[in-house]
């Protein structure tokens, strides 16, 4: 809702507060996020979506139990519950701010696909954070128009 304020507060302080000072020197991923947010107009708030939530829960739970990393639904049940137009998956974080900033910075993802989804025109979403066999935690965010 307030991209400029978010950039000047949360994002600007993130490298120092997270102990990831090297991010502030990153000329592509971190700096491009700051530039993008400072140039953005506010977006409408995203509302909750029960079908997206059920989709995210199924994928996060199964991925966590099996140690899977990726977007493919590996069971008929999860394939039947699949409901999204955009999806982001994060591994290793359980703090919401860490999850969002990890996806927004999108380090080592040349397409910046997660950032584009999070800053896109989606109107609703479902989110699930679950234990993960390999990464301790995994988060699935499923978005819909």
C-alpha atoms as a PDB file:
ATOM      1  CA  UNK A   1       0.000   0.000   0.000  1.00  0.00           C
ATOM      2  CA  UNK A   2       2.934   2.356   0.704  1.00  0.00           C
ATOM      3  CA  UNK A   3       5.885   1.293  -1.465  1.00  0.00           C
ATOM      4  CA  UNK A   4       7.956   4.443  -0.885  1.00  0.00           C
ATOM      5  CA  UNK A   5       7.586   4.252   2.890  1.00  0.00           C
ATOM      6  CA  UNK A   6       8.346   0.509   2.828  1.00  0.00           C
ATOM      7  CA  UNK A   7      11.499   1.158   0.765  1.00  0.00           C
ATOM      8  CA  UNK A   8      12.714   3.957   3.042  1.00  0.00           C
ATOM      9  CA  UNK A   9      12.097   2.060   6.273  1.00  0.00           C
ATOM     10  CA  UNK A  10      11.916  -1.728   6.137  1.00  0.00           C
ATOM     11  CA  UNK A  11      13.960  -2.332   2.976  1.00  0.00           C
ATOM     12  CA  UNK A  12      16.567   0.351   3.720  1.00  0.00           C
ATOM     13  CA  UNK A  13      17.172  -1.039   7.226  1.00  0.00           C
ATOM     14  CA  UNK A  14      17.035  -4.702   6.255  1.00  0.00           C
ATOM     15  CA  UNK A  15      20.738  -5.292   5.444  1.00  0.00           C
ATOM     16  CA  UNK A  16      21.919  -3.977   8.835  1.00  0.00           C
ATOM     17  CA  UNK A  17      19.083  -5.444  10.928  1.00  0.00           C
ATOM     18  CA  UNK A  18      19.309  -8.864   9.308  1.00  0.00           C
ATOM     19  CA  UNK A  19      23.095  -9.094   9.482  1.00  0.00           C
ATOM     20  CA  UNK A  20      23.214  -9.218   5.676  1.00  0.00           C
ATOM     21  CA  UNK A  21      25.207  -6.015   5.147  1.00  0.00           C
ATOM     22  CA  UNK A  22      26.535  -7.325   1.840  1.00  0.00           C
ATOM     23  CA  UNK A  23      23.065  -6.780   0.354  1.00  0.00           C
ATOM     24  CA  UNK A  24      23.470  -3.006   0.552  1.00  0.00           C
ATOM     25  CA  UNK A  25      26.420  -3.303  -1.867  1.00  0.00           C
ATOM     26  CA  UNK A  26      24.461  -5.484  -4.306  1.00  0.00           C
ATOM     27  CA  UNK A  27      24.062  -3.402  -7.444  1.00  0.00           C
ATOM     28  CA  UNK A  28      21.366  -5.504  -9.025  1.00  0.00           C
ATOM     29  CA  UNK A  29      18.951  -7.346  -6.764  1.00  0.00           C
ATOM     30  CA  UNK A  30      18.779  -5.177  -3.651  1.00  0.00           C
ATOM     31  CA  UNK A  31      19.351  -1.787  -5.294  1.00  0.00           C
ATOM     32  CA  UNK A  32      16.873  -2.554  -8.073  1.00  0.00           C
ATOM     33  CA  UNK A  33      14.257  -3.415  -5.449  1.00  0.00           C
ATOM     34  CA  UNK A  34      14.783  -0.055  -3.758  1.00  0.00           C
ATOM     35  CA  UNK A  35      14.519   1.738  -7.114  1.00  0.00           C
ATOM     36  CA  UNK A  36      11.391  -0.181  -8.063  1.00  0.00           C
ATOM     37  CA  UNK A  37       9.637   0.562  -4.773  1.00  0.00           C
ATOM     38  CA  UNK A  38      10.592   4.253  -4.810  1.00  0.00           C
ATOM     39  CA  UNK A  39       9.105   4.631  -8.309  1.00  0.00           C
ATOM     40  CA  UNK A  40       5.916   2.623  -7.649  1.00  0.00           C
ATOM     41  CA  UNK A  41       2.398   3.824  -7.113  1.00  0.00           C
ATOM     42  CA  UNK A  42       0.489   2.178  -4.263  1.00  0.00           C
ATOM     43  CA  UNK A  43      -1.224  -1.125  -5.025  1.00  0.00           C
ATOM     44  CA  UNK A  44      -4.586  -2.263  -3.658  1.00  0.00           C
ATOM     45  CA  UNK A  45      -4.453  -4.487  -0.602  1.00  0.00           C
ATOM     46  CA  UNK A  46      -4.613  -8.218  -1.229  1.00  0.00           C
ATOM     47  CA  UNK A  47      -7.492 -10.079   0.394  1.00  0.00           C
ATOM     48  CA  UNK A  48      -7.519 -13.648   1.651  1.00  0.00           C
ATOM     49  CA  UNK A  49      -8.754 -16.390  -0.645  1.00  0.00           C
ATOM     50  CA  UNK A  50      -9.805 -19.744   0.821  1.00  0.00           C
ATOM     51  CA  UNK A  51      -9.111 -21.736  -2.368  1.00  0.00           C
ATOM     52  CA  UNK A  52      -5.628 -20.193  -2.667  1.00  0.00           C
ATOM     53  CA  UNK A  53      -5.050 -20.996   1.006  1.00  0.00           C
ATOM     54  CA  UNK A  54      -6.033 -24.653   0.570  1.00  0.00           C
ATOM     55  CA  UNK A  55      -3.785 -24.838  -2.491  1.00  0.00           C
ATOM     56  CA  UNK A  56      -0.845 -23.332  -0.564  1.00  0.00           C
ATOM     57  CA  UNK A  57      -1.376 -25.574   2.496  1.00  0.00           C
ATOM     58  CA  UNK A  58      -1.450 -28.764   0.451  1.00  0.00           C
ATOM     59  CA  UNK A  59       1.682 -27.874  -1.511  1.00  0.00           C
ATOM     60  CA  UNK A  60       3.637 -26.621   1.535  1.00  0.00           C
ATOM     61  CA  UNK A  61       2.757 -29.648   3.671  1.00  0.00           C
ATOM     62  CA  UNK A  62       3.598 -32.225   1.007  1.00  0.00           C
ATOM     63  CA  UNK A  63       6.780 -30.388  -0.035  1.00  0.00           C
ATOM     64  CA  UNK A  64       7.866 -30.197   3.581  1.00  0.00           C
ATOM     65  CA  UNK A  65       7.260 -33.877   4.290  1.00  0.00           C
ATOM     66  CA  UNK A  66       9.092 -35.032   1.166  1.00  0.00           C
ATOM     67  CA  UNK A  67      11.814 -32.364   1.056  1.00  0.00           C
ATOM     68  CA  UNK A  68      10.623 -31.206  -2.374  1.00  0.00           C
ATOM     69  CA  UNK A  69      11.631 -27.780  -3.718  1.00  0.00           C
ATOM     70  CA  UNK A  70       9.621 -26.295  -6.575  1.00  0.00           C
ATOM     71  CA  UNK A  71       6.151 -25.606  -7.900  1.00  0.00           C
ATOM     72  CA  UNK A  72       5.050 -28.981  -9.275  1.00  0.00           C
ATOM     73  CA  UNK A  73       2.168 -30.602  -7.406  1.00  0.00           C
ATOM     74  CA  UNK A  74       3.353 -34.106  -6.558  1.00  0.00           C
ATOM     75  CA  UNK A  75       0.065 -35.666  -5.528  1.00  0.00           C
ATOM     76  CA  UNK A  76      -3.380 -35.987  -7.036  1.00  0.00           C
ATOM     77  CA  UNK A  77      -4.864 -34.319  -3.952  1.00  0.00           C
ATOM     78  CA  UNK A  78      -2.619 -31.257  -4.285  1.00  0.00           C
ATOM     79  CA  UNK A  79      -3.147 -31.143  -8.046  1.00  0.00           C
ATOM     80  CA  UNK A  80      -6.921 -31.085  -7.437  1.00  0.00           C
ATOM     81  CA  UNK A  81      -6.539 -28.255  -4.883  1.00  0.00           C
ATOM     82  CA  UNK A  82      -4.184 -26.250  -7.129  1.00  0.00           C
ATOM     83  CA  UNK A  83      -5.646 -22.751  -7.402  1.00  0.00           C
ATOM     84  CA  UNK A  84      -3.470 -19.796  -8.396  1.00  0.00           C
ATOM     85  CA  UNK A  85      -2.294 -17.586 -11.252  1.00  0.00           C
ATOM     86  CA  UNK A  86       0.986 -16.715  -9.529  1.00  0.00           C
ATOM     87  CA  UNK A  87       2.947 -18.660  -6.935  1.00  0.00           C
ATOM     88  CA  UNK A  88       5.979 -17.931  -4.773  1.00  0.00           C
ATOM     89  CA  UNK A  89       7.802 -20.501  -2.656  1.00  0.00           C
ATOM     90  CA  UNK A  90      10.395 -19.666  -0.013  1.00  0.00           C
ATOM     91  CA  UNK A  91      12.630 -22.085   1.868  1.00  0.00           C
ATOM     92  CA  UNK A  92      14.386 -21.721   5.203  1.00  0.00           C
ATOM     93  CA  UNK A  93      12.566 -18.708   6.632  1.00  0.00           C
ATOM     94  CA  UNK A  94       9.743 -18.670   9.163  1.00  0.00           C
ATOM     95  CA  UNK A  95       9.640 -14.917   9.831  1.00  0.00           C
ATOM     96  CA  UNK A  96       7.117 -13.114   7.583  1.00  0.00           C
ATOM     97  CA  UNK A  97       9.385 -10.104   6.980  1.00  0.00           C
ATOM     98  CA  UNK A  98      12.289 -12.390   6.027  1.00  0.00           C
ATOM     99  CA  UNK A  99      10.035 -14.343   3.676  1.00  0.00           C
ATOM    100  CA  UNK A 100       8.683 -11.255   1.927  1.00  0.00           C
ATOM    101  CA  UNK A 101      12.080  -9.566   1.618  1.00  0.00           C
ATOM    102  CA  UNK A 102      13.740 -12.743   0.384  1.00  0.00           C
ATOM    103  CA  UNK A 103      11.139 -12.996  -2.376  1.00  0.00           C
ATOM    104  CA  UNK A 104      11.201  -9.279  -3.189  1.00  0.00           C
ATOM    105  CA  UNK A 105      14.995  -9.109  -3.427  1.00  0.00           C
ATOM    106  CA  UNK A 106      14.865 -12.326  -5.476  1.00  0.00           C
ATOM    107  CA  UNK A 107      18.641 -12.752  -5.332  1.00  0.00           C
ATOM    108  CA  UNK A 108      20.072 -14.967  -8.081  1.00  0.00           C
ATOM    109  CA  UNK A 109      16.730 -15.081  -9.925  1.00  0.00           C
ATOM    110  CA  UNK A 110      17.488 -13.123 -13.125  1.00  0.00           C
ATOM    111  CA  UNK A 111      13.817 -12.941 -14.144  1.00  0.00           C
ATOM    112  CA  UNK A 112      12.824 -11.422 -10.760  1.00  0.00           C
ATOM    113  CA  UNK A 113       9.736 -13.610 -11.049  1.00  0.00           C
ATOM    114  CA  UNK A 114       8.903 -13.604  -7.338  1.00  0.00           C
ATOM    115  CA  UNK A 115       9.197  -9.812  -7.157  1.00  0.00           C
ATOM    116  CA  UNK A 116       6.961  -9.424 -10.204  1.00  0.00           C
ATOM    117  CA  UNK A 117       4.328 -11.634  -8.609  1.00  0.00           C
ATOM    118  CA  UNK A 118       4.449  -9.900  -5.212  1.00  0.00           C
ATOM    119  CA  UNK A 119       4.272  -6.450  -6.816  1.00  0.00           C
ATOM    120  CA  UNK A 120       1.778  -7.523  -9.467  1.00  0.00           C
ATOM    121  CA  UNK A 121      -1.907  -6.882  -9.843  1.00  0.00           C
ATOM    122  CA  UNK A 122      -3.180  -9.887  -7.907  1.00  0.00           C
ATOM    123  CA  UNK A 123      -6.203  -9.210  -5.735  1.00  0.00           C
ATOM    124  CA  UNK A 124      -6.251 -12.222  -3.395  1.00  0.00           C
ATOM    125  CA  UNK A 125      -3.918 -14.837  -1.952  1.00  0.00           C
ATOM    126  CA  UNK A 126      -3.477 -17.779   0.355  1.00  0.00           C
ATOM    127  CA  UNK A 127      -0.305 -18.390   2.380  1.00  0.00           C
ATOM    128  CA  UNK A 128       1.006 -21.389   4.289  1.00  0.00           C
ATOM    129  CA  UNK A 129       4.227 -21.798   6.298  1.00  0.00           C
ATOM    130  CA  UNK A 130       5.038 -25.426   7.075  1.00  0.00           C
ATOM    131  CA  UNK A 131       7.985 -27.464   8.383  1.00  0.00           C
ATOM    132  CA  UNK A 132      10.390 -28.671   5.684  1.00  0.00           C
ATOM    133  CA  UNK A 133      12.489 -31.824   5.834  1.00  0.00           C
ATOM    134  CA  UNK A 134      15.600 -30.134   4.408  1.00  0.00           C
ATOM    135  CA  UNK A 135      15.189 -26.380   4.964  1.00  0.00           C
ATOM    136  CA  UNK A 136      13.352 -26.440   8.328  1.00  0.00           C
ATOM    137  CA  UNK A 137      10.561 -24.260   6.864  1.00  0.00           C
ATOM    138  CA  UNK A 138       8.887 -23.646   3.550  1.00  0.00           C
ATOM    139  CA  UNK A 139       6.294 -21.080   2.591  1.00  0.00           C
ATOM    140  CA  UNK A 140       3.879 -21.177  -0.317  1.00  0.00           C
ATOM    141  CA  UNK A 141       2.039 -18.048  -1.422  1.00  0.00           C
ATOM    142  CA  UNK A 142      -0.663 -18.629  -4.057  1.00  0.00           C
ATOM    143  CA  UNK A 143      -2.132 -15.551  -5.780  1.00  0.00           C
ATOM    144  CA  UNK A 144      -5.327 -15.010  -7.760  1.00  0.00           C
ATOM    145  CA  UNK A 145      -6.970 -12.111  -9.664  1.00  0.00           C
END
